Amino acid sequence: MDILQIVGMGLAATFLALILKQNNPVFALLLSLIVGTFIFIMLVDQIGMIMGVLKKMAETAHLNGVYVATVLKIIGIAYISEFGAQIARDAGQSALAGKIELAGKIAILVLAMPILAAIVDAVMNLMP
C-alpha cells in the first residue's frame, strides 16, 4: 500500500475521531484502535521483506543466527511496545503508556544481556 493512502486514511480517521470524541469518546478510541491496527496489518508485508533482507545479509556475513534472531526480537519488542504506548496515550492514559514503554525497555535489556556478555567475553579474550 502506498504511503499516501496510509497517511490519508490516518488523517481521515483522525478528523473523524475528533468529531466522535465530542459526543462519544469510546467510539473515537475504538476507531483509532481499528485504524491503527489496520495500518499495522498493511505494513506486515514490508516488515517481512525487511526481515528477509536482514536474514540474508546475516547469512552472507556469516553471523551467528542466534544474534540475528535476538536483534530481530529486540526490534519487534520496540515497535510493539511503542504501538501499545501510543494506544494508551490516545486513550488519555499517559502513565500507563510510560509503564508499557518501561516494560519494553526491560524486555529489550533482558534479550540483549547474552549479546553483551559475548562482547565482554570477546574483549576479555583479547586482553593479555
N, C-alpha and C. Protein backbone atom coordinates (compact mmCIF):
# COMPACT_ATOMS: atom_id res chain seq x y z
N MET A 1 0.84 -1.18 0.00
CA MET A 1 0.00 0.00 0.00
C MET A 1 0.89 1.24 0.00
N ASP A 2 0.47 2.25 -0.70
CA ASP A 2 1.23 3.48 -0.85
C ASP A 2 1.16 4.32 0.42
N ILE A 3 2.24 5.00 0.74
CA ILE A 3 2.30 5.81 1.96
C ILE A 3 1.26 6.92 1.94
N LEU A 4 0.95 7.44 0.75
CA LEU A 4 -0.07 8.49 0.67
C LEU A 4 -1.44 7.96 1.07
N GLN A 5 -1.74 6.71 0.71
CA GLN A 5 -3.00 6.11 1.11
C GLN A 5 -3.05 5.91 2.62
N ILE A 6 -1.93 5.47 3.19
CA ILE A 6 -1.87 5.24 4.63
C ILE A 6 -2.04 6.55 5.38
N VAL A 7 -1.32 7.58 4.95
CA VAL A 7 -1.43 8.88 5.60
C VAL A 7 -2.83 9.46 5.43
N GLY A 8 -3.40 9.32 4.24
CA GLY A 8 -4.76 9.81 4.00
C GLY A 8 -5.76 9.12 4.90
N MET A 9 -5.65 7.80 5.00
CA MET A 9 -6.56 7.06 5.88
C MET A 9 -6.37 7.48 7.33
N GLY A 10 -5.11 7.67 7.74
CA GLY A 10 -4.85 8.09 9.11
C GLY A 10 -5.40 9.47 9.42
N LEU A 11 -5.25 10.38 8.48
CA LEU A 11 -5.77 11.74 8.70
C LEU A 11 -7.30 11.75 8.70
N ALA A 12 -7.90 10.99 7.80
CA ALA A 12 -9.37 10.91 7.78
C ALA A 12 -9.88 10.33 9.10
N ALA A 13 -9.22 9.29 9.60
CA ALA A 13 -9.63 8.71 10.87
C ALA A 13 -9.41 9.69 12.01
N THR A 14 -8.34 10.47 11.94
CA THR A 14 -8.08 11.47 12.98
C THR A 14 -9.19 12.51 13.03
N PHE A 15 -9.58 13.03 11.88
CA PHE A 15 -10.65 14.03 11.85
C PHE A 15 -11.97 13.44 12.32
N LEU A 16 -12.26 12.23 11.89
CA LEU A 16 -13.49 11.57 12.32
C LEU A 16 -13.46 11.31 13.84
N ALA A 17 -12.30 10.92 14.34
CA ALA A 17 -12.17 10.67 15.79
C ALA A 17 -12.36 11.97 16.57
N LEU A 18 -11.87 13.08 16.05
CA LEU A 18 -12.07 14.36 16.73
C LEU A 18 -13.54 14.71 16.82
N ILE A 19 -14.28 14.43 15.74
CA ILE A 19 -15.72 14.70 15.75
C ILE A 19 -16.43 13.76 16.72
N LEU A 20 -16.07 12.47 16.67
CA LEU A 20 -16.71 11.50 17.56
C LEU A 20 -16.36 11.73 19.03
N LYS A 21 -15.18 12.25 19.28
CA LYS A 21 -14.72 12.42 20.66
C LYS A 21 -15.62 13.37 21.45
N GLN A 22 -16.23 14.32 20.78
CA GLN A 22 -17.10 15.27 21.46
C GLN A 22 -18.36 14.60 21.99
N ASN A 23 -18.92 13.69 21.21
CA ASN A 23 -20.17 13.06 21.59
C ASN A 23 -19.99 11.69 22.23
N ASN A 24 -19.04 10.90 21.72
CA ASN A 24 -18.86 9.54 22.22
C ASN A 24 -17.37 9.18 22.17
N PRO A 25 -16.64 9.47 23.24
CA PRO A 25 -15.19 9.23 23.24
C PRO A 25 -14.81 7.75 23.11
N VAL A 26 -15.70 6.85 23.51
CA VAL A 26 -15.39 5.42 23.39
C VAL A 26 -15.30 5.02 21.92
N PHE A 27 -16.22 5.52 21.11
CA PHE A 27 -16.18 5.20 19.68
C PHE A 27 -14.97 5.84 19.00
N ALA A 28 -14.58 7.01 19.48
CA ALA A 28 -13.39 7.66 18.92
C ALA A 28 -12.15 6.82 19.19
N LEU A 29 -12.04 6.31 20.41
CA LEU A 29 -10.91 5.45 20.76
C LEU A 29 -10.95 4.15 19.97
N LEU A 30 -12.13 3.58 19.83
CA LEU A 30 -12.28 2.35 19.07
C LEU A 30 -11.89 2.56 17.61
N LEU A 31 -12.30 3.68 17.03
CA LEU A 31 -11.92 4.00 15.66
C LEU A 31 -10.41 4.10 15.54
N SER A 32 -9.80 4.77 16.49
CA SER A 32 -8.35 4.92 16.49
C SER A 32 -7.65 3.57 16.57
N LEU A 33 -8.14 2.69 17.43
CA LEU A 33 -7.56 1.34 17.56
C LEU A 33 -7.71 0.55 16.26
N ILE A 34 -8.87 0.60 15.67
CA ILE A 34 -9.12 -0.17 14.45
C ILE A 34 -8.25 0.32 13.30
N VAL A 35 -8.20 1.62 13.11
CA VAL A 35 -7.39 2.17 12.01
C VAL A 35 -5.91 1.93 12.27
N GLY A 36 -5.47 2.09 13.50
CA GLY A 36 -4.07 1.82 13.82
C GLY A 36 -3.69 0.38 13.56
N THR A 37 -4.56 -0.53 13.93
CA THR A 37 -4.31 -1.95 13.69
C THR A 37 -4.33 -2.24 12.19
N PHE A 38 -5.25 -1.63 11.47
CA PHE A 38 -5.33 -1.84 10.03
C PHE A 38 -4.06 -1.34 9.34
N ILE A 39 -3.55 -0.20 9.75
CA ILE A 39 -2.30 0.33 9.19
C ILE A 39 -1.16 -0.64 9.48
N PHE A 40 -1.10 -1.15 10.70
CA PHE A 40 -0.06 -2.11 11.07
C PHE A 40 -0.15 -3.36 10.20
N ILE A 41 -1.36 -3.85 9.97
CA ILE A 41 -1.56 -5.05 9.14
C ILE A 41 -1.12 -4.77 7.70
N MET A 42 -1.38 -3.56 7.21
CA MET A 42 -0.97 -3.21 5.85
C MET A 42 0.55 -3.21 5.71
N LEU A 43 1.26 -3.00 6.79
CA LEU A 43 2.71 -2.94 6.74
C LEU A 43 3.39 -4.28 6.98
N VAL A 44 2.62 -5.32 7.25
CA VAL A 44 3.21 -6.63 7.57
C VAL A 44 4.06 -7.14 6.42
N ASP A 45 3.63 -6.96 5.17
CA ASP A 45 4.42 -7.43 4.03
C ASP A 45 5.78 -6.74 3.98
N GLN A 46 5.80 -5.43 4.19
CA GLN A 46 7.07 -4.72 4.17
C GLN A 46 7.97 -5.15 5.33
N ILE A 47 7.37 -5.40 6.48
CA ILE A 47 8.16 -5.85 7.63
C ILE A 47 8.77 -7.21 7.34
N GLY A 48 7.99 -8.11 6.73
CA GLY A 48 8.51 -9.42 6.35
C GLY A 48 9.65 -9.31 5.36
N MET A 49 9.51 -8.40 4.39
CA MET A 49 10.56 -8.20 3.41
C MET A 49 11.85 -7.70 4.08
N ILE A 50 11.71 -6.77 5.00
CA ILE A 50 12.88 -6.24 5.70
C ILE A 50 13.56 -7.35 6.50
N MET A 51 12.76 -8.17 7.17
CA MET A 51 13.35 -9.26 7.96
C MET A 51 14.07 -10.25 7.05
N GLY A 52 13.51 -10.53 5.87
CA GLY A 52 14.17 -11.43 4.93
C GLY A 52 15.51 -10.88 4.47
N VAL A 53 15.55 -9.58 4.16
CA VAL A 53 16.80 -8.96 3.73
C VAL A 53 17.83 -9.00 4.85
N LEU A 54 17.39 -8.70 6.08
CA LEU A 54 18.33 -8.73 7.21
C LEU A 54 18.88 -10.14 7.44
N LYS A 55 18.03 -11.15 7.32
CA LYS A 55 18.49 -12.53 7.49
C LYS A 55 19.48 -12.91 6.39
N LYS A 56 19.20 -12.49 5.16
CA LYS A 56 20.10 -12.80 4.06
C LYS A 56 21.44 -12.11 4.25
N MET A 57 21.42 -10.86 4.70
CA MET A 57 22.66 -10.14 4.97
C MET A 57 23.46 -10.83 6.07
N ALA A 58 22.77 -11.33 7.08
CA ALA A 58 23.45 -12.02 8.18
C ALA A 58 24.08 -13.32 7.69
N GLU A 59 23.38 -14.04 6.82
CA GLU A 59 23.94 -15.27 6.26
C GLU A 59 25.16 -14.97 5.40
N THR A 60 25.08 -13.91 4.61
CA THR A 60 26.20 -13.53 3.75
C THR A 60 27.42 -13.14 4.60
N ALA A 61 27.18 -12.48 5.70
CA ALA A 61 28.27 -12.05 6.58
C ALA A 61 28.70 -13.15 7.55
N HIS A 62 28.06 -14.32 7.47
CA HIS A 62 28.37 -15.46 8.34
C HIS A 62 28.23 -15.11 9.82
N LEU A 63 27.17 -14.40 10.13
CA LEU A 63 26.90 -14.04 11.53
C LEU A 63 26.16 -15.18 12.20
N ASN A 64 26.33 -15.30 13.50
CA ASN A 64 25.64 -16.32 14.28
C ASN A 64 24.13 -16.04 14.24
N GLY A 65 23.37 -17.04 13.89
CA GLY A 65 21.92 -16.89 13.76
C GLY A 65 21.24 -16.50 15.05
N VAL A 66 21.81 -16.90 16.18
CA VAL A 66 21.22 -16.56 17.48
C VAL A 66 21.24 -15.05 17.69
N TYR A 67 22.34 -14.42 17.31
CA TYR A 67 22.45 -12.97 17.50
C TYR A 67 21.50 -12.22 16.57
N VAL A 68 21.39 -12.69 15.35
CA VAL A 68 20.48 -12.04 14.40
C VAL A 68 19.04 -12.18 14.88
N ALA A 69 18.66 -13.37 15.32
CA ALA A 69 17.31 -13.58 15.83
C ALA A 69 17.04 -12.69 17.03
N THR A 70 18.03 -12.54 17.89
CA THR A 70 17.87 -11.70 19.08
C THR A 70 17.67 -10.25 18.68
N VAL A 71 18.44 -9.77 17.72
CA VAL A 71 18.30 -8.38 17.27
C VAL A 71 16.91 -8.17 16.64
N LEU A 72 16.44 -9.15 15.86
CA LEU A 72 15.10 -9.02 15.27
C LEU A 72 14.02 -9.02 16.35
N LYS A 73 14.19 -9.83 17.39
CA LYS A 73 13.23 -9.82 18.50
C LYS A 73 13.24 -8.47 19.21
N ILE A 74 14.41 -7.91 19.38
CA ILE A 74 14.53 -6.60 20.04
C ILE A 74 13.81 -5.53 19.23
N ILE A 75 13.99 -5.56 17.91
CA ILE A 75 13.30 -4.60 17.05
C ILE A 75 11.79 -4.78 17.16
N GLY A 76 11.34 -6.02 17.17
CA GLY A 76 9.91 -6.30 17.30
C GLY A 76 9.35 -5.80 18.62
N ILE A 77 10.07 -6.04 19.70
CA ILE A 77 9.62 -5.57 21.01
C ILE A 77 9.53 -4.04 21.03
N ALA A 78 10.50 -3.38 20.43
CA ALA A 78 10.50 -1.91 20.41
C ALA A 78 9.27 -1.39 19.68
N TYR A 79 8.97 -1.97 18.51
CA TYR A 79 7.82 -1.50 17.74
C TYR A 79 6.50 -1.82 18.44
N ILE A 80 6.38 -3.01 18.97
CA ILE A 80 5.13 -3.40 19.63
C ILE A 80 4.88 -2.58 20.89
N SER A 81 5.93 -2.37 21.69
CA SER A 81 5.72 -1.58 22.91
C SER A 81 5.42 -0.13 22.58
N GLU A 82 6.03 0.41 21.53
CA GLU A 82 5.71 1.78 21.12
C GLU A 82 4.27 1.88 20.63
N PHE A 83 3.82 0.88 19.87
CA PHE A 83 2.44 0.85 19.37
C PHE A 83 1.47 0.81 20.55
N GLY A 84 1.74 -0.04 21.53
CA GLY A 84 0.88 -0.13 22.72
C GLY A 84 0.87 1.16 23.52
N ALA A 85 2.04 1.77 23.66
CA ALA A 85 2.13 3.03 24.41
C ALA A 85 1.35 4.14 23.71
N GLN A 86 1.41 4.18 22.39
CA GLN A 86 0.67 5.20 21.66
C GLN A 86 -0.84 5.00 21.81
N ILE A 87 -1.28 3.76 21.81
CA ILE A 87 -2.70 3.49 22.03
C ILE A 87 -3.12 3.96 23.42
N ALA A 88 -2.29 3.68 24.41
CA ALA A 88 -2.60 4.11 25.77
C ALA A 88 -2.65 5.64 25.85
N ARG A 89 -1.73 6.31 25.17
CA ARG A 89 -1.74 7.78 25.16
C ARG A 89 -3.00 8.31 24.47
N ASP A 90 -3.40 7.65 23.37
CA ASP A 90 -4.64 8.05 22.69
C ASP A 90 -5.84 7.96 23.62
N ALA A 91 -5.80 6.99 24.54
CA ALA A 91 -6.90 6.81 25.49
C ALA A 91 -6.77 7.74 26.68
N GLY A 92 -5.73 8.58 26.68
CA GLY A 92 -5.54 9.52 27.79
C GLY A 92 -4.83 8.91 28.98
N GLN A 93 -4.20 7.78 28.79
CA GLN A 93 -3.52 7.07 29.89
C GLN A 93 -2.01 7.19 29.72
N SER A 94 -1.48 8.39 29.90
CA SER A 94 -0.04 8.61 29.69
C SER A 94 0.80 7.87 30.73
N ALA A 95 0.30 7.73 31.94
CA ALA A 95 1.06 6.99 32.96
C ALA A 95 1.17 5.51 32.57
N LEU A 96 0.09 4.95 32.08
CA LEU A 96 0.12 3.56 31.62
C LEU A 96 1.03 3.42 30.40
N ALA A 97 1.02 4.40 29.52
CA ALA A 97 1.89 4.38 28.35
C ALA A 97 3.36 4.34 28.79
N GLY A 98 3.69 5.10 29.80
CA GLY A 98 5.05 5.08 30.33
C GLY A 98 5.43 3.71 30.87
N LYS A 99 4.48 3.05 31.51
CA LYS A 99 4.75 1.71 32.05
C LYS A 99 4.94 0.69 30.92
N ILE A 100 4.18 0.83 29.85
CA ILE A 100 4.34 -0.05 28.69
C ILE A 100 5.72 0.15 28.08
N GLU A 101 6.14 1.40 27.95
CA GLU A 101 7.47 1.67 27.41
C GLU A 101 8.56 1.11 28.32
N LEU A 102 8.38 1.25 29.63
CA LEU A 102 9.35 0.70 30.58
C LEU A 102 9.44 -0.81 30.44
N ALA A 103 8.29 -1.48 30.32
CA ALA A 103 8.28 -2.94 30.15
C ALA A 103 9.01 -3.32 28.87
N GLY A 104 8.82 -2.57 27.79
CA GLY A 104 9.52 -2.84 26.55
C GLY A 104 11.03 -2.69 26.70
N LYS A 105 11.44 -1.65 27.41
CA LYS A 105 12.87 -1.42 27.62
C LYS A 105 13.50 -2.53 28.46
N ILE A 106 12.79 -2.98 29.47
CA ILE A 106 13.29 -4.08 30.31
C ILE A 106 13.38 -5.37 29.49
N ALA A 107 12.37 -5.64 28.67
CA ALA A 107 12.39 -6.85 27.83
C ALA A 107 13.56 -6.79 26.84
N ILE A 108 13.82 -5.62 26.29
CA ILE A 108 14.95 -5.46 25.38
C ILE A 108 16.26 -5.69 26.11
N LEU A 109 16.38 -5.14 27.31
CA LEU A 109 17.60 -5.33 28.10
C LEU A 109 17.84 -6.80 28.42
N VAL A 110 16.77 -7.51 28.76
CA VAL A 110 16.89 -8.94 29.06
C VAL A 110 17.39 -9.70 27.84
N LEU A 111 16.84 -9.39 26.67
CA LEU A 111 17.29 -10.07 25.45
C LEU A 111 18.71 -9.69 25.06
N ALA A 112 19.11 -8.47 25.38
CA ALA A 112 20.44 -8.00 24.99
C ALA A 112 21.55 -8.52 25.90
N MET A 113 21.22 -9.02 27.06
CA MET A 113 22.26 -9.46 28.01
C MET A 113 23.19 -10.53 27.44
N PRO A 114 22.70 -11.57 26.77
CA PRO A 114 23.64 -12.55 26.21
C PRO A 114 24.60 -11.95 25.17
N ILE A 115 24.11 -11.00 24.38
CA ILE A 115 24.98 -10.34 23.41
C ILE A 115 26.03 -9.51 24.12
N LEU A 116 25.61 -8.79 25.15
CA LEU A 116 26.55 -8.00 25.94
C LEU A 116 27.58 -8.90 26.61
N ALA A 117 27.16 -10.03 27.13
CA ALA A 117 28.09 -10.98 27.76
C ALA A 117 29.08 -11.51 26.74
N ALA A 118 28.63 -11.80 25.52
CA ALA A 118 29.54 -12.29 24.48
C ALA A 118 30.56 -11.23 24.11
N ILE A 119 30.13 -9.98 24.06
CA ILE A 119 31.07 -8.89 23.74
C ILE A 119 32.11 -8.75 24.84
N VAL A 120 31.69 -8.82 26.10
CA VAL A 120 32.63 -8.72 27.22
C VAL A 120 33.61 -9.89 27.19
N ASP A 121 33.11 -11.10 26.89
CA ASP A 121 34.00 -12.26 26.80
C ASP A 121 35.01 -12.08 25.67
N ALA A 122 34.58 -11.57 24.53
CA ALA A 122 35.48 -11.37 23.41
C ALA A 122 36.56 -10.34 23.76
N VAL A 123 36.18 -9.28 24.44
CA VAL A 123 37.15 -8.26 24.85
C VAL A 123 38.13 -8.83 25.86
N MET A 124 37.60 -9.61 26.79
CA MET A 124 38.48 -10.20 27.82
C MET A 124 39.48 -11.19 27.20
N ASN A 125 39.08 -11.91 26.16
CA ASN A 125 39.98 -12.84 25.48
C ASN A 125 41.04 -12.12 24.68
N LEU A 126 40.78 -10.90 24.26
CA LEU A 126 41.76 -10.11 23.51
C LEU A 126 42.84 -9.52 24.43
N MET A 127 42.49 -9.34 25.68
CA MET A 127 43.46 -8.75 26.63
C MET A 127 44.47 -9.80 27.06
N PRO A 128 45.75 -9.40 27.23
CA PRO A 128 46.77 -10.37 27.67
C PRO A 128 46.59 -10.77 29.14
